[in-house]
């Protein structure tokens, strides 16, 4: 399993547009082969900062999603709304060291 977190910072006036993109594609992303979990988090202190938190069956499943036509539509539309570059983290819990956060 791969856990993926993507932190995105938007211009405050663009957050509604992002939410529309996310909620419009959420069900389709959840149906992608290997997608096991998907949720959206909003930063409690910075309301224009959001994180997507997803679980993928494998690195190959995540890679297939990132190469899909759906990702090719969702990501560019989302990226246009950014106020700062996104930060992405992927973790394979099986390979993660217990001495690192």
N, C-alpha and C. Protein backbone atom coordinates (compact mmCIF):
# COMPACT_ATOMS: atom_id res chain seq x y z
N UNK A 1 0.85 -1.18 0.00
CA UNK A 1 0.00 0.00 0.00
C UNK A 1 0.89 1.24 0.00
N UNK A 2 0.45 2.26 -0.72
CA UNK A 2 1.11 3.56 -0.75
C UNK A 2 0.15 4.59 -0.18
N UNK A 3 0.63 5.37 0.76
CA UNK A 3 -0.15 6.48 1.31
C UNK A 3 0.38 7.75 0.65
N UNK A 4 -0.51 8.54 0.13
CA UNK A 4 -0.12 9.76 -0.60
C UNK A 4 -0.84 10.95 0.01
N UNK A 5 -0.06 11.97 0.36
CA UNK A 5 -0.61 13.23 0.86
C UNK A 5 -0.09 14.34 -0.04
N UNK A 6 -1.00 15.16 -0.53
CA UNK A 6 -0.63 16.30 -1.35
C UNK A 6 -1.18 17.55 -0.67
N UNK A 7 -0.26 18.45 -0.29
CA UNK A 7 -0.63 19.71 0.38
C UNK A 7 -0.68 20.80 -0.67
N UNK A 8 -1.82 21.50 -0.75
CA UNK A 8 -2.02 22.52 -1.77
C UNK A 8 -2.45 23.82 -1.12
N UNK A 9 -1.80 24.90 -1.51
CA UNK A 9 -2.11 26.24 -1.02
C UNK A 9 -2.72 27.03 -2.16
N UNK A 10 -3.89 27.58 -1.91
CA UNK A 10 -4.63 28.32 -2.92
C UNK A 10 -4.74 29.79 -2.55
N UNK A 11 -4.94 30.61 -3.57
CA UNK A 11 -5.36 31.98 -3.30
C UNK A 11 -6.74 31.85 -2.64
N UNK A 12 -7.02 32.60 -1.59
CA UNK A 12 -8.31 32.45 -0.91
C UNK A 12 -9.52 32.51 -1.85
N UNK A 13 -9.45 33.35 -2.87
CA UNK A 13 -10.58 33.46 -3.79
C UNK A 13 -10.70 32.25 -4.71
N UNK A 14 -9.72 31.36 -4.71
CA UNK A 14 -9.75 30.17 -5.57
C UNK A 14 -10.16 28.89 -4.84
N UNK A 15 -10.39 28.97 -3.54
CA UNK A 15 -10.70 27.75 -2.81
C UNK A 15 -12.02 27.13 -3.25
N UNK A 16 -13.02 27.94 -3.54
CA UNK A 16 -14.31 27.39 -3.97
C UNK A 16 -14.17 26.67 -5.30
N UNK A 17 -13.39 27.23 -6.22
CA UNK A 17 -13.17 26.57 -7.51
C UNK A 17 -12.47 25.23 -7.31
N UNK A 18 -11.49 25.18 -6.39
CA UNK A 18 -10.83 23.91 -6.10
C UNK A 18 -11.82 22.89 -5.55
N UNK A 19 -12.65 23.31 -4.60
CA UNK A 19 -13.61 22.38 -4.00
C UNK A 19 -14.56 21.82 -5.06
N UNK A 20 -14.94 22.64 -6.01
CA UNK A 20 -15.80 22.15 -7.09
C UNK A 20 -15.08 21.12 -7.94
N UNK A 21 -13.81 21.35 -8.24
CA UNK A 21 -13.03 20.38 -9.01
C UNK A 21 -12.90 19.08 -8.22
N UNK A 22 -12.54 19.18 -6.94
CA UNK A 22 -12.35 17.97 -6.13
C UNK A 22 -13.64 17.17 -6.03
N UNK A 23 -14.72 17.83 -5.63
CA UNK A 23 -15.97 17.10 -5.43
C UNK A 23 -16.56 16.59 -6.75
N UNK A 24 -16.23 17.26 -7.85
CA UNK A 24 -16.69 16.80 -9.15
C UNK A 24 -15.94 15.57 -9.66
N UNK A 25 -14.74 15.35 -9.15
CA UNK A 25 -13.92 14.22 -9.60
C UNK A 25 -13.73 13.14 -8.53
N UNK A 26 -14.13 13.41 -7.32
CA UNK A 26 -13.89 12.51 -6.19
C UNK A 26 -14.41 11.09 -6.46
N UNK A 27 -15.62 10.94 -6.90
CA UNK A 27 -16.19 9.60 -7.13
C UNK A 27 -15.42 8.87 -8.23
N UNK A 28 -15.00 9.59 -9.26
CA UNK A 28 -14.24 8.96 -10.35
C UNK A 28 -12.86 8.50 -9.88
N UNK A 29 -12.22 9.31 -9.05
CA UNK A 29 -10.91 8.93 -8.52
C UNK A 29 -11.06 7.68 -7.64
N UNK A 30 -12.08 7.66 -6.80
CA UNK A 30 -12.30 6.50 -5.93
C UNK A 30 -12.52 5.22 -6.73
N UNK A 31 -13.01 5.33 -7.96
CA UNK A 31 -13.25 4.17 -8.80
C UNK A 31 -12.01 3.71 -9.58
N UNK A 32 -10.94 4.49 -9.51
CA UNK A 32 -9.72 4.10 -10.22
C UNK A 32 -9.18 2.80 -9.63
N UNK A 33 -8.71 1.88 -10.48
CA UNK A 33 -8.15 0.62 -9.96
C UNK A 33 -7.03 0.89 -8.96
N UNK A 34 -7.15 0.29 -7.80
CA UNK A 34 -6.13 0.42 -6.77
C UNK A 34 -6.37 1.52 -5.77
N UNK A 35 -7.33 2.41 -6.01
CA UNK A 35 -7.63 3.46 -5.03
C UNK A 35 -8.41 2.83 -3.89
N UNK A 36 -7.85 2.90 -2.70
CA UNK A 36 -8.47 2.28 -1.53
C UNK A 36 -9.10 3.30 -0.59
N UNK A 37 -8.66 4.55 -0.68
CA UNK A 37 -9.14 5.57 0.25
C UNK A 37 -8.83 6.94 -0.35
N UNK A 38 -9.74 7.89 -0.17
CA UNK A 38 -9.51 9.26 -0.60
C UNK A 38 -10.31 10.18 0.30
N UNK A 39 -9.63 11.18 0.82
CA UNK A 39 -10.33 12.20 1.59
C UNK A 39 -9.63 13.53 1.44
N UNK A 40 -10.33 14.59 1.79
CA UNK A 40 -9.81 15.94 1.70
C UNK A 40 -9.77 16.54 3.09
N UNK A 41 -8.65 17.14 3.43
CA UNK A 41 -8.49 17.81 4.72
C UNK A 41 -8.31 19.30 4.47
N UNK A 42 -8.89 20.12 5.32
CA UNK A 42 -8.66 21.56 5.29
C UNK A 42 -7.87 21.93 6.53
N UNK A 43 -6.83 22.73 6.36
CA UNK A 43 -6.01 23.17 7.48
C UNK A 43 -6.85 24.03 8.41
N UNK A 44 -6.85 23.71 9.70
CA UNK A 44 -7.68 24.43 10.67
C UNK A 44 -7.21 25.88 10.86
N UNK A 45 -5.92 26.12 10.70
CA UNK A 45 -5.37 27.46 10.90
C UNK A 45 -5.26 28.27 9.61
N UNK A 46 -5.17 27.58 8.49
CA UNK A 46 -5.02 28.24 7.19
C UNK A 46 -6.12 27.73 6.26
N UNK A 47 -7.28 28.38 6.25
CA UNK A 47 -8.42 27.84 5.52
C UNK A 47 -8.25 27.77 4.00
N UNK A 48 -7.18 28.32 3.45
CA UNK A 48 -6.93 28.23 2.02
C UNK A 48 -5.92 27.12 1.69
N UNK A 49 -5.58 26.32 2.70
CA UNK A 49 -4.65 25.19 2.52
C UNK A 49 -5.43 23.90 2.70
N UNK A 50 -5.30 23.00 1.72
CA UNK A 50 -5.98 21.71 1.73
C UNK A 50 -4.97 20.60 1.47
N UNK A 51 -5.29 19.42 1.96
CA UNK A 51 -4.49 18.23 1.69
C UNK A 51 -5.42 17.13 1.20
N UNK A 52 -4.97 16.43 0.17
CA UNK A 52 -5.66 15.20 -0.19
C UNK A 52 -4.88 14.07 0.46
N UNK A 53 -5.59 13.10 0.98
CA UNK A 53 -5.02 11.94 1.66
C UNK A 53 -5.60 10.72 0.97
N UNK A 54 -4.74 9.94 0.33
CA UNK A 54 -5.23 8.78 -0.39
C UNK A 54 -4.37 7.56 -0.09
N UNK A 55 -4.98 6.40 -0.24
CA UNK A 55 -4.28 5.11 -0.11
C UNK A 55 -4.42 4.41 -1.45
N UNK A 56 -3.33 3.85 -1.92
CA UNK A 56 -3.31 3.13 -3.19
C UNK A 56 -2.77 1.74 -2.94
N UNK A 57 -3.30 0.76 -3.65
CA UNK A 57 -2.92 -0.64 -3.45
C UNK A 57 -1.44 -0.85 -3.69
N UNK A 58 -0.86 -0.07 -4.59
CA UNK A 58 0.56 -0.23 -4.93
C UNK A 58 1.07 1.04 -5.60
N UNK A 59 2.38 1.12 -5.72
CA UNK A 59 2.98 2.24 -6.45
C UNK A 59 2.53 2.22 -7.90
N UNK A 60 2.36 1.04 -8.46
CA UNK A 60 1.91 0.91 -9.85
C UNK A 60 0.50 1.47 -10.02
N UNK A 61 -0.38 1.25 -9.05
CA UNK A 61 -1.74 1.77 -9.11
C UNK A 61 -1.73 3.30 -9.06
N UNK A 62 -0.92 3.85 -8.18
CA UNK A 62 -0.80 5.31 -8.09
C UNK A 62 -0.24 5.86 -9.40
N UNK A 63 0.77 5.21 -9.92
CA UNK A 63 1.38 5.65 -11.17
C UNK A 63 0.37 5.59 -12.32
N UNK A 64 -0.43 4.54 -12.36
CA UNK A 64 -1.45 4.41 -13.41
C UNK A 64 -2.47 5.56 -13.30
N UNK A 65 -2.86 5.91 -12.09
CA UNK A 65 -3.77 7.04 -11.92
C UNK A 65 -3.12 8.33 -12.41
N UNK A 66 -1.85 8.54 -12.05
CA UNK A 66 -1.16 9.76 -12.44
C UNK A 66 -0.94 9.85 -13.95
N UNK A 67 -1.03 8.72 -14.65
CA UNK A 67 -0.90 8.70 -16.11
C UNK A 67 -2.27 8.69 -16.80
N UNK A 68 -3.34 8.67 -16.03
CA UNK A 68 -4.69 8.54 -16.59
C UNK A 68 -5.19 9.87 -17.17
N UNK A 69 -6.19 9.75 -18.04
CA UNK A 69 -6.84 10.93 -18.62
C UNK A 69 -7.51 11.76 -17.52
N UNK A 70 -8.06 11.09 -16.51
CA UNK A 70 -8.72 11.80 -15.41
C UNK A 70 -7.72 12.72 -14.71
N UNK A 71 -6.56 12.18 -14.34
CA UNK A 71 -5.54 13.00 -13.70
C UNK A 71 -5.11 14.12 -14.63
N UNK A 72 -5.02 13.83 -15.92
CA UNK A 72 -4.64 14.82 -16.91
C UNK A 72 -5.61 15.98 -17.01
N UNK A 73 -6.83 15.78 -16.56
CA UNK A 73 -7.83 16.85 -16.52
C UNK A 73 -7.84 17.55 -15.16
N UNK A 74 -7.83 16.75 -14.10
CA UNK A 74 -7.99 17.30 -12.74
C UNK A 74 -6.76 18.09 -12.31
N UNK A 75 -5.58 17.54 -12.50
CA UNK A 75 -4.38 18.18 -11.97
C UNK A 75 -4.11 19.54 -12.60
N UNK A 76 -4.12 19.69 -13.93
CA UNK A 76 -3.87 21.02 -14.50
C UNK A 76 -4.91 22.06 -14.06
N UNK A 77 -6.17 21.66 -13.96
CA UNK A 77 -7.21 22.59 -13.51
C UNK A 77 -6.98 23.02 -12.07
N UNK A 78 -6.53 22.09 -11.23
CA UNK A 78 -6.24 22.40 -9.83
C UNK A 78 -4.99 23.26 -9.72
N UNK A 79 -3.97 22.89 -10.46
CA UNK A 79 -2.67 23.57 -10.40
C UNK A 79 -2.79 25.05 -10.77
N UNK A 80 -3.69 25.38 -11.68
CA UNK A 80 -3.88 26.78 -12.07
C UNK A 80 -4.36 27.65 -10.91
N UNK A 81 -4.90 27.05 -9.89
CA UNK A 81 -5.46 27.79 -8.76
C UNK A 81 -4.47 27.99 -7.61
N UNK A 82 -3.28 27.39 -7.71
CA UNK A 82 -2.31 27.42 -6.62
C UNK A 82 -1.77 28.82 -6.36
N UNK A 83 -1.51 29.10 -5.08
CA UNK A 83 -0.79 30.30 -4.67
C UNK A 83 0.68 29.97 -4.43
N UNK A 84 0.98 28.67 -4.28
CA UNK A 84 2.35 28.19 -4.05
C UNK A 84 2.43 26.77 -4.59
N UNK A 85 3.63 26.30 -4.91
CA UNK A 85 3.75 24.92 -5.40
C UNK A 85 3.21 23.91 -4.38
N UNK A 86 2.63 22.85 -4.89
CA UNK A 86 2.12 21.78 -4.02
C UNK A 86 3.28 20.98 -3.44
N UNK A 87 3.05 20.41 -2.29
CA UNK A 87 4.00 19.50 -1.65
C UNK A 87 3.37 18.12 -1.64
N UNK A 88 4.07 17.12 -2.13
CA UNK A 88 3.52 15.77 -2.19
C UNK A 88 4.42 14.82 -1.44
N UNK A 89 3.80 13.93 -0.68
CA UNK A 89 4.52 12.94 0.10
C UNK A 89 3.91 11.57 -0.16
N UNK A 90 4.74 10.59 -0.42
CA UNK A 90 4.27 9.21 -0.59
C UNK A 90 5.03 8.34 0.40
N UNK A 91 4.31 7.45 1.05
CA UNK A 91 4.91 6.57 2.04
C UNK A 91 4.41 5.16 1.80
N UNK A 92 5.33 4.22 1.81
CA UNK A 92 4.98 2.81 1.80
C UNK A 92 5.13 2.35 3.24
N UNK A 93 4.02 2.15 3.98
CA UNK A 93 4.11 1.82 5.40
C UNK A 93 4.93 0.56 5.68
N UNK A 94 4.98 -0.35 4.74
CA UNK A 94 5.74 -1.60 4.94
C UNK A 94 7.23 -1.28 5.01
N UNK A 95 7.68 -0.31 4.23
CA UNK A 95 9.09 0.03 4.17
C UNK A 95 9.47 1.18 5.09
N UNK A 96 8.50 1.80 5.73
CA UNK A 96 8.78 2.96 6.58
C UNK A 96 9.53 2.54 7.84
N UNK A 97 10.50 3.32 8.19
CA UNK A 97 11.27 3.07 9.41
C UNK A 97 10.48 3.55 10.62
N UNK A 98 10.54 2.83 11.71
CA UNK A 98 9.80 3.21 12.91
C UNK A 98 10.47 4.38 13.62
N UNK A 99 11.69 4.76 13.26
CA UNK A 99 12.36 5.87 13.92
C UNK A 99 12.19 7.19 13.17
N UNK A 100 11.34 7.20 12.11
CA UNK A 100 11.08 8.42 11.36
C UNK A 100 9.58 8.72 11.41
N UNK A 101 9.25 10.02 11.44
CA UNK A 101 7.82 10.36 11.41
C UNK A 101 7.22 10.06 10.04
